[in-house]
């Protein structure tokens, strides 16, 4: 169980960092719920999908997944920055709106495909694994949102730009292998 908890924390760190970026522009109960549910569902569901896909398919996705996830996060971060250039009424990723939040949850959980195989090889119950991964992800996401909100309160109107820069930084860190 300790190994499962450590794995859950290690794959949940990217959600924590992304939640900080989302929280920078401010959070309310609705955003907390949406981010927690989306990130938790993807973190819990991807290992199950990994087991279902089989070792060869998930292995191929896993090796390209880091680059895909990095590129997508950098793209979303750039979109958030460009949106800010358009004026104060445009919103970046940190608004936690529908498709961007779902895309973020998917991208951040790609590494969990491989975790599904590890769970299978250690004879860990997939239900237990999914629940622990999901719960840790929700917890880390909520902590990240709160930390981001505190940073955003100090950043003021620059919060959206800061969020975009943070997402670009997360993408670069993923590409470099620092968050995988």
Protein backbone atom coordinates (compact mmCIF):
# COMPACT_ATOMS: atom_id res chain seq x y z
CA UNK A 1 0.00 0.00 0.00
CA UNK A 2 2.90 2.35 0.69
CA UNK A 3 4.25 1.76 -2.83
CA UNK A 4 0.82 2.57 -4.29
CA UNK A 5 0.62 5.77 -2.27
CA UNK A 6 4.09 6.85 -3.39
CA UNK A 7 3.19 6.14 -7.03
CA UNK A 8 -0.04 8.13 -6.61
CA UNK A 9 1.90 11.09 -5.24
CA UNK A 10 4.52 10.92 -7.98
CA UNK A 11 1.96 10.93 -10.80
CA UNK A 12 -0.19 13.50 -8.98
CA UNK A 13 2.58 16.10 -8.82
CA UNK A 14 1.83 17.32 -12.35
CA UNK A 15 -1.81 17.85 -11.35
CA UNK A 16 -0.66 19.77 -8.29
CA UNK A 17 1.48 22.08 -10.41
CA UNK A 18 -1.25 22.54 -13.03
CA UNK A 19 -3.78 23.29 -10.28
CA UNK A 20 -1.48 26.02 -8.98
CA UNK A 21 -1.53 27.55 -12.47
CA UNK A 22 -5.33 27.33 -12.60
CA UNK A 23 -5.71 28.77 -9.11
CA UNK A 24 -3.58 31.83 -9.86
CA UNK A 25 -6.55 33.65 -11.39
CA UNK A 26 -8.74 32.84 -8.39
CA UNK A 27 -10.89 29.92 -7.36
CA UNK A 28 -14.37 29.45 -6.04
CA UNK A 29 -16.24 26.34 -4.92
CA UNK A 30 -17.38 25.60 -8.49
CA UNK A 31 -13.83 25.65 -9.88
CA UNK A 32 -12.55 23.55 -6.96
CA UNK A 33 -15.23 20.94 -7.66
CA UNK A 34 -14.66 20.89 -11.43
CA UNK A 35 -10.87 20.65 -11.23
CA UNK A 36 -10.94 18.06 -8.45
CA UNK A 37 -13.46 15.86 -10.26
CA UNK A 38 -11.84 16.10 -13.69
CA UNK A 39 -8.27 15.57 -12.50
CA UNK A 40 -9.34 12.82 -10.10
CA UNK A 41 -11.42 10.99 -12.72
CA UNK A 42 -8.62 11.00 -15.27
CA UNK A 43 -5.98 9.95 -12.72
CA UNK A 44 -8.21 7.09 -11.52
CA UNK A 45 -9.46 6.05 -14.95
CA UNK A 46 -6.25 5.99 -16.97
CA UNK A 47 -4.68 3.01 -15.14
CA UNK A 48 -7.85 1.02 -15.87
CA UNK A 49 -7.59 2.00 -19.54
CA UNK A 50 -3.89 1.07 -19.47
CA UNK A 51 -4.73 -2.42 -18.29
CA UNK A 52 -7.42 -2.72 -20.96
CA UNK A 53 -5.19 -1.52 -23.82
CA UNK A 54 -2.46 -4.02 -23.31
CA UNK A 55 1.28 -3.63 -22.83
CA UNK A 56 2.31 -2.94 -26.43
CA UNK A 57 -0.26 -0.24 -27.17
CA UNK A 58 0.20 1.59 -23.88
CA UNK A 59 3.98 1.28 -24.15
CA UNK A 60 3.91 3.09 -27.52
CA UNK A 61 1.57 5.75 -26.17
CA UNK A 62 3.66 6.07 -23.02
CA UNK A 63 6.89 6.79 -24.88
CA UNK A 64 5.25 9.47 -27.02
CA UNK A 65 2.94 10.63 -24.25
CA UNK A 66 5.51 12.82 -22.54
CA UNK A 67 6.11 14.79 -25.73
CA UNK A 68 2.42 15.01 -26.58
CA UNK A 69 1.53 16.17 -23.07
CA UNK A 70 4.35 18.73 -23.06
CA UNK A 71 3.34 20.16 -26.45
CA UNK A 72 -0.31 20.39 -25.46
CA UNK A 73 0.42 22.15 -22.17
CA UNK A 74 2.77 24.60 -23.88
CA UNK A 75 0.07 25.25 -26.50
CA UNK A 76 -2.61 25.85 -23.88
CA UNK A 77 -0.23 28.14 -21.97
CA UNK A 78 0.50 30.14 -25.12
CA UNK A 79 -3.23 30.34 -25.82
CA UNK A 80 -3.72 31.77 -22.32
CA UNK A 81 -1.04 34.39 -22.95
CA UNK A 82 -2.40 35.33 -26.39
CA UNK A 83 -5.90 35.55 -24.92
CA UNK A 84 -4.62 38.13 -22.47
CA UNK A 85 -3.23 40.24 -25.31
CA UNK A 86 -6.78 40.44 -26.69
CA UNK A 87 -8.00 42.37 -23.67
CA UNK A 88 -9.33 41.94 -20.16
CA UNK A 89 -12.49 40.12 -21.20
CA UNK A 90 -10.72 37.13 -22.72
CA UNK A 91 -9.94 34.12 -20.57
CA UNK A 92 -6.93 31.83 -20.50
CA UNK A 93 -6.71 28.21 -19.32
CA UNK A 94 -6.94 29.24 -15.71
CA UNK A 95 -10.65 29.92 -16.11
CA UNK A 96 -11.07 26.12 -15.90
CA UNK A 97 -13.66 26.09 -18.64
CA UNK A 98 -14.94 22.86 -20.17
CA UNK A 99 -12.77 21.63 -23.03
CA UNK A 100 -9.52 23.13 -21.71
CA UNK A 101 -9.99 21.51 -18.33
CA UNK A 102 -10.82 18.13 -19.91
CA UNK A 103 -7.81 18.41 -22.21
CA UNK A 104 -5.61 19.29 -19.25
CA UNK A 105 -6.89 16.33 -17.23
CA UNK A 106 -6.29 13.98 -20.15
CA UNK A 107 -2.82 15.30 -20.90
CA UNK A 108 -1.71 15.20 -17.27
CA UNK A 109 -2.88 11.62 -16.80
CA UNK A 110 -1.22 9.99 -19.83
CA UNK A 111 1.54 8.64 -17.59
CA UNK A 112 -1.12 6.70 -15.66
CA UNK A 113 -1.55 4.32 -18.60
CA UNK A 114 1.78 2.80 -17.64
CA UNK A 115 0.81 2.82 -13.95
CA UNK A 116 -2.01 0.45 -14.90
CA UNK A 117 0.54 -2.15 -15.96
CA UNK A 118 2.52 -1.70 -12.76
CA UNK A 119 -0.64 -2.25 -10.75
CA UNK A 120 -1.33 -5.45 -12.65
CA UNK A 121 2.18 -6.80 -12.13
CA UNK A 122 2.12 -6.11 -8.38
CA UNK A 123 -1.25 -7.80 -7.94
CA UNK A 124 -2.74 -4.58 -6.62
CA UNK A 125 -6.50 -4.46 -6.96
CA UNK A 126 -7.32 -2.15 -9.86
CA UNK A 127 -10.23 -0.74 -7.85
CA UNK A 128 -7.95 0.03 -4.90
CA UNK A 129 -5.34 1.49 -7.24
CA UNK A 130 -7.86 3.67 -9.06
CA UNK A 131 -9.38 4.92 -5.80
CA UNK A 132 -6.02 5.77 -4.24
CA UNK A 133 -4.74 7.47 -7.42
CA UNK A 134 -7.97 9.45 -7.77
CA UNK A 135 -8.10 10.49 -4.11
CA UNK A 136 -4.47 11.61 -4.04
CA UNK A 137 -4.98 13.53 -7.28
CA UNK A 138 -8.04 15.32 -5.92
CA UNK A 139 -6.20 16.19 -2.71
CA UNK A 140 -3.10 17.49 -4.51
CA UNK A 141 -5.26 19.42 -6.98
CA UNK A 142 -7.20 21.16 -4.21
CA UNK A 143 -4.00 22.05 -2.38
CA UNK A 144 -2.57 23.38 -5.65
CA UNK A 145 -5.67 25.46 -6.34
CA UNK A 146 -5.45 27.09 -2.92
CA UNK A 147 -1.74 27.79 -3.27
CA UNK A 148 -2.33 29.21 -6.75
CA UNK A 149 -5.15 31.42 -5.47
CA UNK A 150 -2.82 32.88 -2.84
CA UNK A 151 -0.18 33.54 -5.48
CA UNK A 152 -2.84 35.03 -7.77
CA UNK A 153 -4.10 37.35 -5.05
CA UNK A 154 -0.64 38.84 -4.89
CA UNK A 155 -0.23 38.87 -8.70
CA UNK A 156 -3.47 40.81 -9.23
CA UNK A 157 -4.38 41.40 -12.89
CA UNK A 158 -1.20 39.64 -14.02
CA UNK A 159 -2.60 36.35 -12.70
CA UNK A 160 -3.82 35.09 -16.08
CA UNK A 161 -0.45 35.81 -17.70
CA UNK A 162 1.31 34.12 -14.81
CA UNK A 163 -0.96 31.08 -15.25
CA UNK A 164 -0.07 30.88 -18.95
CA UNK A 165 3.64 31.12 -18.18
CA UNK A 166 3.30 28.44 -15.51
CA UNK A 167 1.59 26.05 -17.94
CA UNK A 168 4.34 26.65 -20.50
CA UNK A 169 6.89 25.92 -17.76
CA UNK A 170 5.08 22.69 -16.82
CA UNK A 171 5.15 21.64 -20.49
CA UNK A 172 8.87 22.37 -20.75
CA UNK A 173 9.52 20.45 -17.51
CA UNK A 174 7.54 17.49 -18.85
CA UNK A 175 9.46 17.55 -22.12
CA UNK A 176 12.71 17.60 -20.17
CA UNK A 177 11.58 14.58 -18.13
CA UNK A 178 11.39 16.43 -14.84
CA UNK A 179 7.69 15.68 -14.23
CA UNK A 180 7.41 12.17 -15.62
